[in-house]
Amino acid sequence: MDGSESLRLFCALRLPGETVERLVRWQSGALQPVEAMQHSRIVVPENLHVTLAFLGRRPAAEVPAIARALTQAMDGAGELRLRVHGYRETRSVGMLTLDDEGGRAGEVAARLHAALEELGVYRREARPWLPHVTVLRFAERPRLRPVLPDLGEISPSDAAVYSSVLRRDGARYEVLKF
């Protein structure tokens, strides 16, 4: 990878394999009605995560500094504990919102946002950070009210810097540093 190459980047908490498996089973049942809708896609297992910060297009040369900022934000965080709170749709995605038990994930996000701003690679959003997992993408809002999955307590396995490659059949995410 050439240092001047531009990558579409974000930092995220990675989900444990068992959580991903449970989410996939839930998606195949609870989100079944939208599979038939044109321009709707269930998020594939390898793309399920909890976004901490979306950076957009950045030079590849910035990835090491971004990865260090993420590592430092995670240092000393202790065990992050998330729990499904609800289902919500925006204009283009369906998501499971999460409760941040103990507030540790929110503290990680705040430290990361500050560090990324200091690096000049991120501008904090006006709205507060919302822990969530995007489970569905669509062109037209399906207005679902699915029964929530019982995932129990979710303890993210770690955090990573991802590259998002847009494709015709949807984005594919690749872990760059963790």
C-alpha atoms as a PDB file:
ATOM      1  CA  MET A   1       0.000   0.000   0.000  1.00  0.00           C
ATOM      2  CA  ASP A   2       1.443   3.335  -1.126  1.00  0.00           C
ATOM      3  CA  GLY A   3       1.450   6.020   1.611  1.00  0.00           C
ATOM      4  CA  SER A   4      -0.263   8.538  -0.662  1.00  0.00           C
ATOM      5  CA  GLU A   5      -3.106   6.158  -1.561  1.00  0.00           C
ATOM      6  CA  SER A   6      -6.462   7.351  -0.237  1.00  0.00           C
ATOM      7  CA  LEU A   7      -8.466   4.930   1.908  1.00  0.00           C
ATOM      8  CA  ARG A   8     -11.973   5.197   3.343  1.00  0.00           C
ATOM      9  CA  LEU A   9     -11.301   4.616   7.058  1.00  0.00           C
ATOM     10  CA  PHE A  10     -13.133   4.069  10.323  1.00  0.00           C
ATOM     11  CA  CYS A  11     -12.296   2.800  13.808  1.00  0.00           C
ATOM     12  CA  ALA A  12     -14.550   0.217  15.413  1.00  0.00           C
ATOM     13  CA  LEU A  13     -15.007  -2.287  18.200  1.00  0.00           C
ATOM     14  CA  ARG A  14     -14.881  -5.830  16.876  1.00  0.00           C
ATOM     15  CA  LEU A  15     -17.548  -8.259  18.006  1.00  0.00           C
ATOM     16  CA  PRO A  16     -16.788 -11.726  19.394  1.00  0.00           C
ATOM     17  CA  GLY A  17     -17.516 -14.625  17.032  1.00  0.00           C
ATOM     18  CA  GLU A  18     -20.351 -15.951  19.201  1.00  0.00           C
ATOM     19  CA  THR A  19     -22.085 -12.549  19.104  1.00  0.00           C
ATOM     20  CA  VAL A  20     -21.731 -12.393  15.321  1.00  0.00           C
ATOM     21  CA  GLU A  21     -23.190 -15.907  14.991  1.00  0.00           C
ATOM     22  CA  ARG A  22     -26.203 -14.958  17.127  1.00  0.00           C
ATOM     23  CA  LEU A  23     -26.708 -11.741  15.141  1.00  0.00           C
ATOM     24  CA  VAL A  24     -26.635 -13.643  11.844  1.00  0.00           C
ATOM     25  CA  ARG A  25     -29.272 -16.118  13.099  1.00  0.00           C
ATOM     26  CA  TRP A  26     -31.422 -13.194  14.274  1.00  0.00           C
ATOM     27  CA  GLN A  27     -30.995 -11.325  10.976  1.00  0.00           C
ATOM     28  CA  SER A  28     -32.102 -14.362   8.951  1.00  0.00           C
ATOM     29  CA  GLY A  29     -35.379 -14.504  10.895  1.00  0.00           C
ATOM     30  CA  ALA A  30     -36.233 -11.005  12.077  1.00  0.00           C
ATOM     31  CA  LEU A  31     -35.108  -9.165   8.942  1.00  0.00           C
ATOM     32  CA  GLN A  32     -36.393 -11.711   6.449  1.00  0.00           C
ATOM     33  CA  PRO A  33     -39.162  -9.434   5.033  1.00  0.00           C
ATOM     34  CA  VAL A  34     -36.652  -6.922   3.649  1.00  0.00           C
ATOM     35  CA  GLU A  35     -34.534  -9.471   1.823  1.00  0.00           C
ATOM     36  CA  ALA A  36     -37.145  -9.424  -0.933  1.00  0.00           C
ATOM     37  CA  MET A  37     -37.140  -5.604  -1.148  1.00  0.00           C
ATOM     38  CA  GLN A  38     -35.158  -4.133  -4.014  1.00  0.00           C
ATOM     39  CA  HIS A  39     -32.073  -2.163  -2.906  1.00  0.00           C
ATOM     40  CA  SER A  40     -32.068  -3.701   0.590  1.00  0.00           C
ATOM     41  CA  ARG A  41     -29.216  -5.735   2.060  1.00  0.00           C
ATOM     42  CA  ILE A  42     -28.679  -7.512   5.327  1.00  0.00           C
ATOM     43  CA  VAL A  43     -25.205  -6.625   6.605  1.00  0.00           C
ATOM     44  CA  VAL A  44     -22.871  -9.591   6.113  1.00  0.00           C
ATOM     45  CA  PRO A  45     -21.231 -11.193   9.178  1.00  0.00           C
ATOM     46  CA  GLU A  46     -17.736  -9.862   8.464  1.00  0.00           C
ATOM     47  CA  ASN A  47     -19.107  -6.275   8.418  1.00  0.00           C
ATOM     48  CA  LEU A  48     -20.816  -6.382  11.835  1.00  0.00           C
ATOM     49  CA  HIS A  49     -19.072  -4.054  14.309  1.00  0.00           C
ATOM     50  CA  VAL A  50     -19.615  -1.058  16.619  1.00  0.00           C
ATOM     51  CA  THR A  51     -18.259   2.097  14.963  1.00  0.00           C
ATOM     52  CA  LEU A  52     -16.239   4.392  17.206  1.00  0.00           C
ATOM     53  CA  ALA A  53     -15.327   7.010  14.568  1.00  0.00           C
ATOM     54  CA  PHE A  54     -15.795   7.320  10.804  1.00  0.00           C
ATOM     55  CA  LEU A  55     -12.890   9.219   9.278  1.00  0.00           C
ATOM     56  CA  GLY A  56     -13.783   9.142   5.570  1.00  0.00           C
ATOM     57  CA  ARG A  57     -11.068   9.299   2.918  1.00  0.00           C
ATOM     58  CA  ARG A  58      -7.593   9.632   4.405  1.00  0.00           C
ATOM     59  CA  PRO A  59      -4.074   9.016   3.062  1.00  0.00           C
ATOM     60  CA  ALA A  60      -2.788   5.513   3.815  1.00  0.00           C
ATOM     61  CA  ALA A  61       0.281   7.105   5.431  1.00  0.00           C
ATOM     62  CA  GLU A  62      -1.956   8.218   8.339  1.00  0.00           C
ATOM     63  CA  VAL A  63      -3.009   4.678   9.281  1.00  0.00           C
ATOM     64  CA  PRO A  64      -0.152   4.034  11.768  1.00  0.00           C
ATOM     65  CA  ALA A  65      -0.910   7.233  13.741  1.00  0.00           C
ATOM     66  CA  ILE A  66      -4.643   6.458  13.696  1.00  0.00           C
ATOM     67  CA  ALA A  67      -3.934   2.912  14.937  1.00  0.00           C
ATOM     68  CA  ARG A  68      -1.774   4.306  17.774  1.00  0.00           C
ATOM     69  CA  ALA A  69      -4.564   6.707  18.761  1.00  0.00           C
ATOM     70  CA  LEU A  70      -7.019   3.800  18.843  1.00  0.00           C
ATOM     71  CA  THR A  71      -4.649   1.653  20.924  1.00  0.00           C
ATOM     72  CA  GLN A  72      -4.121   4.497  23.393  1.00  0.00           C
ATOM     73  CA  ALA A  73      -7.885   5.136  23.628  1.00  0.00           C
ATOM     74  CA  MET A  74      -8.416   1.454  24.479  1.00  0.00           C
ATOM     75  CA  ASP A  75      -5.561   1.315  27.032  1.00  0.00           C
ATOM     76  CA  GLY A  76      -6.860   0.958  30.555  1.00  0.00           C
ATOM     77  CA  ALA A  77     -10.499   0.846  29.446  1.00  0.00           C
ATOM     78  CA  GLY A  78     -11.162  -2.430  31.196  1.00  0.00           C
ATOM     79  CA  GLU A  79     -13.930  -4.699  30.011  1.00  0.00           C
ATOM     80  CA  LEU A  80     -16.425  -2.986  27.727  1.00  0.00           C
ATOM     81  CA  ARG A  81     -19.946  -4.282  28.288  1.00  0.00           C
ATOM     82  CA  LEU A  82     -22.728  -3.597  25.821  1.00  0.00           C
ATOM     83  CA  ARG A  83     -26.298  -4.881  25.734  1.00  0.00           C
ATOM     84  CA  VAL A  84     -28.999  -4.606  23.045  1.00  0.00           C
ATOM     85  CA  HIS A  85     -31.361  -1.754  23.870  1.00  0.00           C
ATOM     86  CA  GLY A  86     -33.542  -1.330  20.777  1.00  0.00           C
ATOM     87  CA  TYR A  87     -33.941  -1.323  17.013  1.00  0.00           C
ATOM     88  CA  ARG A  88     -33.839   1.952  15.085  1.00  0.00           C
ATOM     89  CA  GLU A  89     -33.999   2.964  11.434  1.00  0.00           C
ATOM     90  CA  THR A  90     -32.457   6.031   9.846  1.00  0.00           C
ATOM     91  CA  ARG A  91     -32.991   7.039   6.234  1.00  0.00           C
ATOM     92  CA  SER A  92     -30.677   4.274   4.980  1.00  0.00           C
ATOM     93  CA  VAL A  93     -29.842   1.787   7.753  1.00  0.00           C
ATOM     94  CA  GLY A  94     -31.430  -0.398  10.389  1.00  0.00           C
ATOM     95  CA  MET A  95     -29.441  -0.743  13.593  1.00  0.00           C
ATOM     96  CA  LEU A  96     -29.465  -2.354  16.975  1.00  0.00           C
ATOM     97  CA  THR A  97     -28.802   0.355  19.554  1.00  0.00           C
ATOM     98  CA  LEU A  98     -26.763  -0.692  22.553  1.00  0.00           C
ATOM     99  CA  ASP A  99     -26.607   0.244  26.211  1.00  0.00           C
ATOM    100  CA  ASP A 100     -23.056   0.984  27.350  1.00  0.00           C
ATOM    101  CA  GLU A 101     -23.032  -0.588  30.807  1.00  0.00           C
ATOM    102  CA  GLY A 102     -20.596   1.331  32.988  1.00  0.00           C
ATOM    103  CA  GLY A 103     -19.961   3.921  30.254  1.00  0.00           C
ATOM    104  CA  ARG A 104     -16.546   2.509  29.347  1.00  0.00           C
ATOM    105  CA  ALA A 105     -17.176   2.261  25.603  1.00  0.00           C
ATOM    106  CA  GLY A 106     -18.302   5.893  25.599  1.00  0.00           C
ATOM    107  CA  GLU A 107     -15.100   6.862  27.407  1.00  0.00           C
ATOM    108  CA  VAL A 108     -13.049   5.018  24.767  1.00  0.00           C
ATOM    109  CA  ALA A 109     -14.973   6.824  22.004  1.00  0.00           C
ATOM    110  CA  ALA A 110     -14.417  10.223  23.682  1.00  0.00           C
ATOM    111  CA  ARG A 111     -10.666   9.609  24.106  1.00  0.00           C
ATOM    112  CA  LEU A 112     -10.394   8.404  20.523  1.00  0.00           C
ATOM    113  CA  HIS A 113     -12.317  11.386  19.141  1.00  0.00           C
ATOM    114  CA  ALA A 114     -10.060  13.810  21.033  1.00  0.00           C
ATOM    115  CA  ALA A 115      -6.891  12.054  19.843  1.00  0.00           C
ATOM    116  CA  LEU A 116      -8.062  11.917  16.226  1.00  0.00           C
ATOM    117  CA  GLU A 117      -9.031  15.598  16.322  1.00  0.00           C
ATOM    118  CA  GLU A 118      -5.576  16.411  17.672  1.00  0.00           C
ATOM    119  CA  LEU A 119      -4.068  14.500  14.729  1.00  0.00           C
ATOM    120  CA  GLY A 120      -6.263  16.556  12.381  1.00  0.00           C
ATOM    121  CA  VAL A 121      -7.898  13.487  10.826  1.00  0.00           C
ATOM    122  CA  TYR A 122     -11.375  13.732  12.380  1.00  0.00           C
ATOM    123  CA  ARG A 123     -14.060  16.233  13.212  1.00  0.00           C
ATOM    124  CA  ARG A 124     -16.372  15.228  16.049  1.00  0.00           C
ATOM    125  CA  GLU A 125     -20.050  14.970  15.157  1.00  0.00           C
ATOM    126  CA  ALA A 126     -22.514  17.381  16.781  1.00  0.00           C
ATOM    127  CA  ARG A 127     -24.654  14.532  18.112  1.00  0.00           C
ATOM    128  CA  PRO A 128     -23.365  12.307  20.909  1.00  0.00           C
ATOM    129  CA  TRP A 129     -21.776   8.966  20.072  1.00  0.00           C
ATOM    130  CA  LEU A 130     -24.364   6.180  19.919  1.00  0.00           C
ATOM    131  CA  PRO A 131     -23.155   2.608  20.351  1.00  0.00           C
ATOM    132  CA  HIS A 132     -24.895   0.511  17.723  1.00  0.00           C
ATOM    133  CA  VAL A 133     -24.490  -2.318  15.223  1.00  0.00           C
ATOM    134  CA  THR A 134     -25.766  -1.670  11.697  1.00  0.00           C
ATOM    135  CA  VAL A 135     -27.630  -4.832  10.665  1.00  0.00           C
ATOM    136  CA  LEU A 136     -29.486  -3.699   7.546  1.00  0.00           C
ATOM    137  CA  ARG A 137     -29.017  -1.228   4.670  1.00  0.00           C
ATOM    138  CA  PHE A 138     -31.843  -0.061   2.430  1.00  0.00           C
ATOM    139  CA  ALA A 139     -32.932   2.541  -0.123  1.00  0.00           C
ATOM    140  CA  GLU A 140     -36.482   2.730   1.227  1.00  0.00           C
ATOM    141  CA  ARG A 141     -37.178   2.516   4.956  1.00  0.00           C
ATOM    142  CA  PRO A 142     -39.009  -0.776   5.691  1.00  0.00           C
ATOM    143  CA  ARG A 143     -40.315   0.449   9.091  1.00  0.00           C
ATOM    144  CA  LEU A 144     -39.656  -2.858  10.816  1.00  0.00           C
ATOM    145  CA  ARG A 145     -40.420  -3.582  14.443  1.00  0.00           C
ATOM    146  CA  PRO A 146     -38.455  -6.781  14.950  1.00  0.00           C
ATOM    147  CA  VAL A 147     -38.273  -8.722  18.173  1.00  0.00           C
ATOM    148  CA  LEU A 148     -34.869  -7.862  19.616  1.00  0.00           C
ATOM    149  CA  PRO A 149     -32.179 -10.538  19.713  1.00  0.00           C
ATOM    150  CA  ASP A 150     -31.091 -11.903  23.065  1.00  0.00           C
ATOM    151  CA  LEU A 151     -27.345 -11.427  22.777  1.00  0.00           C
ATOM    152  CA  GLY A 152     -26.738 -11.126  26.511  1.00  0.00           C
ATOM    153  CA  GLU A 153     -23.766  -9.037  27.524  1.00  0.00           C
ATOM    154  CA  ILE A 154     -21.501  -8.187  24.604  1.00  0.00           C
ATOM    155  CA  SER A 155     -17.832  -7.667  25.393  1.00  0.00           C
ATOM    156  CA  PRO A 156     -16.072  -6.514  22.216  1.00  0.00           C
ATOM    157  CA  SER A 157     -13.048  -8.656  21.479  1.00  0.00           C
ATOM    158  CA  ASP A 158     -10.872  -5.668  20.535  1.00  0.00           C
ATOM    159  CA  ALA A 159     -10.814  -2.574  18.335  1.00  0.00           C
ATOM    160  CA  ALA A 160      -9.450  -2.058  14.836  1.00  0.00           C
ATOM    161  CA  VAL A 161      -8.848   0.436  12.072  1.00  0.00           C
ATOM    162  CA  TYR A 162     -10.862  -0.601   9.031  1.00  0.00           C
ATOM    163  CA  SER A 163     -10.755   0.268   5.372  1.00  0.00           C
ATOM    164  CA  SER A 164     -14.139   0.389   3.653  1.00  0.00           C
ATOM    165  CA  VAL A 165     -14.146  -0.491  -0.031  1.00  0.00           C
ATOM    166  CA  LEU A 166     -17.371   0.415  -1.798  1.00  0.00           C
ATOM    167  CA  ARG A 167     -18.584  -2.187  -4.288  1.00  0.00           C
ATOM    168  CA  ARG A 168     -21.673  -2.667  -6.339  1.00  0.00           C
ATOM    169  CA  ASP A 169     -22.942  -5.380  -3.978  1.00  0.00           C
ATOM    170  CA  GLY A 170     -22.185  -3.293  -0.887  1.00  0.00           C
ATOM    171  CA  ALA A 171     -19.173  -2.174   1.109  1.00  0.00           C
ATOM    172  CA  ARG A 172     -16.521  -4.644   2.212  1.00  0.00           C
ATOM    173  CA  TYR A 173     -14.499  -3.912   5.316  1.00  0.00           C
ATOM    174  CA  GLU A 174     -10.885  -4.893   5.845  1.00  0.00           C
ATOM    175  CA  VAL A 175      -9.046  -4.689   9.170  1.00  0.00           C
ATOM    176  CA  LEU A 176      -5.836  -2.708   8.654  1.00  0.00           C
ATOM    177  CA  LYS A 177      -4.358  -2.494  12.164  1.00  0.00           C
ATOM    178  CA  PHE A 178      -5.370  -3.901  15.529  1.00  0.00           C
END
